[in-house]
Amino acid sequence: MSMDLTVHDGAIMFAEAKIDPLAHLRVLTMKQVSELTGYTPQHIYRLERAGKFPARIRMGENRVGWRLADFERWFAARPTVQRPPADDDHSH
């Protein structure tokens, strides 16, 4: 099952979606990728050139996009931020 991702007023909204038999064909635009990651287009291209971001695909002469499945795999592989242990000594 996949999640529908939308960006509304800067907040990422997740909605559980039905299984999409065409999910492997879905393509994200630069605007969507930028909104989902918070990265500028320039940073996305920099990461892509360094091999640290999924490769884009050419959709037409002046249009590129990223396969949703590739983006989801990249996103899922991002490390989570570990919180530092709680400081039980509140005396300082």
N, C-alpha and C. Protein backbone atom coordinates (compact mmCIF):
# COMPACT_ATOMS: atom_id res chain seq x y z
N MET A 1 0.85 -1.16 0.00
CA MET A 1 0.00 0.00 0.00
C MET A 1 0.90 1.23 0.00
N SER A 2 0.47 2.28 -0.66
CA SER A 2 1.26 3.50 -0.71
C SER A 2 0.56 4.60 0.05
N MET A 3 1.27 5.69 0.23
CA MET A 3 0.71 6.86 0.89
C MET A 3 0.60 7.98 -0.13
N ASP A 4 -0.50 8.71 -0.12
CA ASP A 4 -0.62 9.91 -0.92
C ASP A 4 0.06 11.03 -0.16
N LEU A 5 0.96 11.73 -0.81
CA LEU A 5 1.68 12.82 -0.19
C LEU A 5 1.24 14.12 -0.86
N THR A 6 0.81 15.07 -0.09
CA THR A 6 0.50 16.39 -0.61
C THR A 6 1.12 17.41 0.32
N VAL A 7 1.40 18.57 -0.22
CA VAL A 7 1.94 19.65 0.58
C VAL A 7 0.89 20.74 0.63
N HIS A 8 0.48 21.12 1.84
CA HIS A 8 -0.54 22.15 2.02
C HIS A 8 -0.04 23.16 3.04
N ASP A 9 0.13 24.40 2.60
CA ASP A 9 0.65 25.46 3.47
C ASP A 9 1.96 25.06 4.13
N GLY A 10 2.83 24.41 3.37
CA GLY A 10 4.14 24.03 3.87
C GLY A 10 4.18 22.77 4.71
N ALA A 11 3.02 22.17 4.98
CA ALA A 11 2.97 20.95 5.79
C ALA A 11 2.74 19.75 4.87
N ILE A 12 3.48 18.69 5.10
CA ILE A 12 3.28 17.47 4.31
C ILE A 12 2.10 16.72 4.90
N MET A 13 1.15 16.41 4.06
CA MET A 13 -0.05 15.70 4.48
C MET A 13 0.03 14.28 3.93
N PHE A 14 -0.17 13.30 4.78
CA PHE A 14 -0.17 11.91 4.38
C PHE A 14 -1.60 11.38 4.45
N ALA A 15 -2.03 10.73 3.42
CA ALA A 15 -3.35 10.11 3.41
C ALA A 15 -3.17 8.68 2.93
N GLU A 16 -3.71 7.75 3.68
CA GLU A 16 -3.59 6.36 3.28
C GLU A 16 -4.33 6.17 1.96
N ALA A 17 -3.68 5.54 1.03
CA ALA A 17 -4.25 5.37 -0.30
C ALA A 17 -4.50 3.89 -0.57
N LYS A 18 -5.39 3.64 -1.47
CA LYS A 18 -5.61 2.27 -1.91
C LYS A 18 -4.40 1.83 -2.72
N ILE A 19 -4.22 0.56 -2.86
CA ILE A 19 -3.11 0.05 -3.66
C ILE A 19 -3.27 0.56 -5.09
N ASP A 20 -2.23 1.19 -5.58
CA ASP A 20 -2.26 1.80 -6.90
C ASP A 20 -1.49 0.91 -7.87
N PRO A 21 -2.18 0.26 -8.80
CA PRO A 21 -1.48 -0.63 -9.73
C PRO A 21 -0.56 0.13 -10.69
N LEU A 22 -0.69 1.44 -10.77
CA LEU A 22 0.15 2.24 -11.65
C LEU A 22 1.22 3.03 -10.89
N ALA A 23 1.41 2.73 -9.62
CA ALA A 23 2.36 3.48 -8.79
C ALA A 23 3.76 3.47 -9.40
N HIS A 24 4.14 2.37 -10.03
CA HIS A 24 5.47 2.28 -10.62
C HIS A 24 5.65 3.24 -11.79
N LEU A 25 4.56 3.82 -12.28
CA LEU A 25 4.62 4.76 -13.40
C LEU A 25 4.52 6.23 -12.96
N ARG A 26 4.22 6.47 -11.70
CA ARG A 26 4.03 7.83 -11.22
C ARG A 26 5.35 8.59 -11.23
N VAL A 27 5.27 9.87 -11.60
CA VAL A 27 6.46 10.71 -11.70
C VAL A 27 6.22 11.98 -10.90
N LEU A 28 7.22 12.38 -10.11
CA LEU A 28 7.16 13.61 -9.34
C LEU A 28 7.83 14.74 -10.11
N THR A 29 7.27 15.92 -10.00
CA THR A 29 7.86 17.10 -10.62
C THR A 29 8.93 17.67 -9.69
N MET A 30 9.73 18.59 -10.22
CA MET A 30 10.73 19.26 -9.38
C MET A 30 10.04 19.98 -8.23
N LYS A 31 8.92 20.62 -8.50
CA LYS A 31 8.21 21.34 -7.44
C LYS A 31 7.80 20.38 -6.33
N GLN A 32 7.27 19.22 -6.68
CA GLN A 32 6.86 18.24 -5.67
C GLN A 32 8.06 17.72 -4.88
N VAL A 33 9.14 17.40 -5.57
CA VAL A 33 10.33 16.89 -4.90
C VAL A 33 10.89 17.96 -3.96
N SER A 34 10.92 19.19 -4.42
CA SER A 34 11.42 20.29 -3.60
C SER A 34 10.54 20.50 -2.37
N GLU A 35 9.23 20.44 -2.54
CA GLU A 35 8.32 20.60 -1.41
C GLU A 35 8.45 19.45 -0.41
N LEU A 36 8.60 18.24 -0.91
CA LEU A 36 8.69 17.08 -0.03
C LEU A 36 9.99 17.02 0.75
N THR A 37 11.08 17.48 0.13
CA THR A 37 12.38 17.40 0.79
C THR A 37 12.75 18.68 1.53
N GLY A 38 12.19 19.79 1.10
CA GLY A 38 12.61 21.08 1.64
C GLY A 38 13.91 21.57 1.00
N TYR A 39 14.39 20.86 -0.02
CA TYR A 39 15.61 21.22 -0.72
C TYR A 39 15.30 22.15 -1.88
N THR A 40 16.23 23.04 -2.20
CA THR A 40 16.08 23.87 -3.39
C THR A 40 16.36 23.02 -4.62
N PRO A 41 15.86 23.44 -5.79
CA PRO A 41 16.20 22.69 -7.01
C PRO A 41 17.71 22.57 -7.22
N GLN A 42 18.45 23.63 -6.91
CA GLN A 42 19.90 23.58 -7.08
C GLN A 42 20.53 22.51 -6.21
N HIS A 43 20.05 22.38 -4.96
CA HIS A 43 20.60 21.36 -4.07
C HIS A 43 20.23 19.96 -4.55
N ILE A 44 19.03 19.80 -5.04
CA ILE A 44 18.60 18.49 -5.57
C ILE A 44 19.51 18.09 -6.73
N TYR A 45 19.77 19.02 -7.66
CA TYR A 45 20.65 18.71 -8.79
C TYR A 45 22.07 18.39 -8.31
N ARG A 46 22.54 19.12 -7.29
CA ARG A 46 23.87 18.87 -6.73
C ARG A 46 23.94 17.45 -6.15
N LEU A 47 22.93 17.07 -5.38
CA LEU A 47 22.90 15.71 -4.81
C LEU A 47 22.83 14.66 -5.90
N GLU A 48 22.04 14.94 -6.92
CA GLU A 48 21.91 13.99 -8.03
C GLU A 48 23.25 13.80 -8.74
N ARG A 49 23.95 14.89 -9.01
CA ARG A 49 25.27 14.79 -9.67
C ARG A 49 26.27 14.02 -8.81
N ALA A 50 26.13 14.13 -7.49
CA ALA A 50 27.04 13.44 -6.58
C ALA A 50 26.63 11.98 -6.36
N GLY A 51 25.52 11.55 -6.98
CA GLY A 51 25.06 10.17 -6.82
C GLY A 51 24.35 9.94 -5.50
N LYS A 52 23.88 11.02 -4.85
CA LYS A 52 23.22 10.91 -3.55
C LYS A 52 21.72 11.15 -3.62
N PHE A 53 21.18 11.14 -4.83
CA PHE A 53 19.75 11.38 -5.03
C PHE A 53 19.35 10.60 -6.27
N PRO A 54 18.11 10.13 -6.34
CA PRO A 54 17.70 9.37 -7.53
C PRO A 54 17.88 10.18 -8.81
N ALA A 55 18.21 9.48 -9.87
CA ALA A 55 18.39 10.11 -11.17
C ALA A 55 17.03 10.51 -11.74
N ARG A 56 16.99 11.67 -12.37
CA ARG A 56 15.75 12.11 -13.00
C ARG A 56 15.56 11.39 -14.33
N ILE A 57 14.35 11.44 -14.82
CA ILE A 57 14.05 10.88 -16.13
C ILE A 57 13.54 12.00 -17.02
N ARG A 58 13.80 11.89 -18.30
CA ARG A 58 13.34 12.90 -19.25
C ARG A 58 11.93 12.56 -19.68
N MET A 59 11.03 13.53 -19.47
CA MET A 59 9.62 13.35 -19.82
C MET A 59 9.31 13.97 -21.19
N GLY A 60 10.13 14.88 -21.59
CA GLY A 60 9.94 15.57 -22.86
C GLY A 60 11.15 16.45 -23.10
N GLU A 61 11.08 17.25 -24.13
CA GLU A 61 12.22 18.08 -24.49
C GLU A 61 12.63 19.03 -23.36
N ASN A 62 11.65 19.60 -22.67
CA ASN A 62 11.93 20.56 -21.60
C ASN A 62 11.34 20.14 -20.27
N ARG A 63 11.19 18.85 -20.05
CA ARG A 63 10.54 18.40 -18.81
C ARG A 63 11.25 17.17 -18.27
N VAL A 64 11.55 17.22 -16.97
CA VAL A 64 12.13 16.06 -16.29
C VAL A 64 11.29 15.76 -15.06
N GLY A 65 11.48 14.59 -14.51
CA GLY A 65 10.78 14.20 -13.30
C GLY A 65 11.52 13.08 -12.62
N TRP A 66 11.01 12.67 -11.48
CA TRP A 66 11.61 11.57 -10.71
C TRP A 66 10.56 10.51 -10.49
N ARG A 67 10.93 9.27 -10.71
CA ARG A 67 9.99 8.16 -10.46
C ARG A 67 9.63 8.14 -8.98
N LEU A 68 8.35 8.08 -8.68
CA LEU A 68 7.89 8.05 -7.30
C LEU A 68 8.53 6.88 -6.55
N ALA A 69 8.60 5.73 -7.18
CA ALA A 69 9.18 4.55 -6.51
C ALA A 69 10.65 4.79 -6.15
N ASP A 70 11.41 5.43 -7.03
CA ASP A 70 12.82 5.73 -6.74
C ASP A 70 12.92 6.71 -5.59
N PHE A 71 12.05 7.75 -5.61
CA PHE A 71 12.06 8.74 -4.54
C PHE A 71 11.69 8.09 -3.21
N GLU A 72 10.67 7.24 -3.20
CA GLU A 72 10.25 6.58 -1.96
C GLU A 72 11.36 5.71 -1.39
N ARG A 73 12.09 4.98 -2.25
CA ARG A 73 13.22 4.16 -1.78
C ARG A 73 14.31 5.05 -1.19
N TRP A 74 14.63 6.15 -1.87
CA TRP A 74 15.65 7.08 -1.37
C TRP A 74 15.22 7.64 -0.02
N PHE A 75 13.97 8.08 0.07
CA PHE A 75 13.46 8.67 1.29
C PHE A 75 13.48 7.67 2.45
N ALA A 76 13.07 6.45 2.18
CA ALA A 76 13.02 5.41 3.22
C ALA A 76 14.42 5.07 3.73
N ALA A 77 15.44 5.27 2.90
CA ALA A 77 16.81 4.95 3.29
C ALA A 77 17.48 6.07 4.09
N ARG A 78 16.81 7.22 4.25
CA ARG A 78 17.39 8.33 5.02
C ARG A 78 17.48 7.91 6.48
N PRO A 79 18.60 8.23 7.11
CA PRO A 79 18.72 7.89 8.53
C PRO A 79 17.78 8.75 9.38
N THR A 80 17.32 8.18 10.45
CA THR A 80 16.49 8.94 11.38
C THR A 80 17.39 9.66 12.37
N VAL A 81 16.91 10.74 12.89
CA VAL A 81 17.67 11.52 13.86
C VAL A 81 17.47 10.88 15.23
N GLN A 82 18.57 10.60 15.89
CA GLN A 82 18.50 10.00 17.21
C GLN A 82 18.50 11.12 18.25
N ARG A 83 17.56 11.08 19.14
CA ARG A 83 17.51 12.07 20.22
C ARG A 83 18.58 11.74 21.25
N PRO A 84 19.19 12.79 21.81
CA PRO A 84 20.16 12.51 22.88
C PRO A 84 19.42 11.97 24.10
N PRO A 85 20.09 11.20 24.92
CA PRO A 85 19.43 10.66 26.11
C PRO A 85 18.93 11.79 27.00
N ALA A 86 17.83 11.55 27.64
CA ALA A 86 17.26 12.57 28.55
C ALA A 86 18.21 12.77 29.72
N ASP A 87 18.38 14.01 30.08
CA ASP A 87 19.25 14.34 31.22
C ASP A 87 18.41 14.27 32.47
N ASP A 88 18.61 13.22 33.28
CA ASP A 88 17.83 13.02 34.50
C ASP A 88 18.29 13.95 35.62
N ASP A 89 19.48 14.50 35.49
CA ASP A 89 20.01 15.39 36.52
C ASP A 89 19.64 16.82 36.13
N HIS A 90 18.61 17.37 36.77
CA HIS A 90 18.13 18.71 36.45
C HIS A 90 18.75 19.78 37.34
N SER A 91 19.86 19.46 38.00
CA SER A 91 20.45 20.38 38.97
C SER A 91 21.37 21.42 38.33
N HIS A 92 21.69 21.31 37.03
CA HIS A 92 22.56 22.33 36.47
C HIS A 92 21.88 23.28 35.61
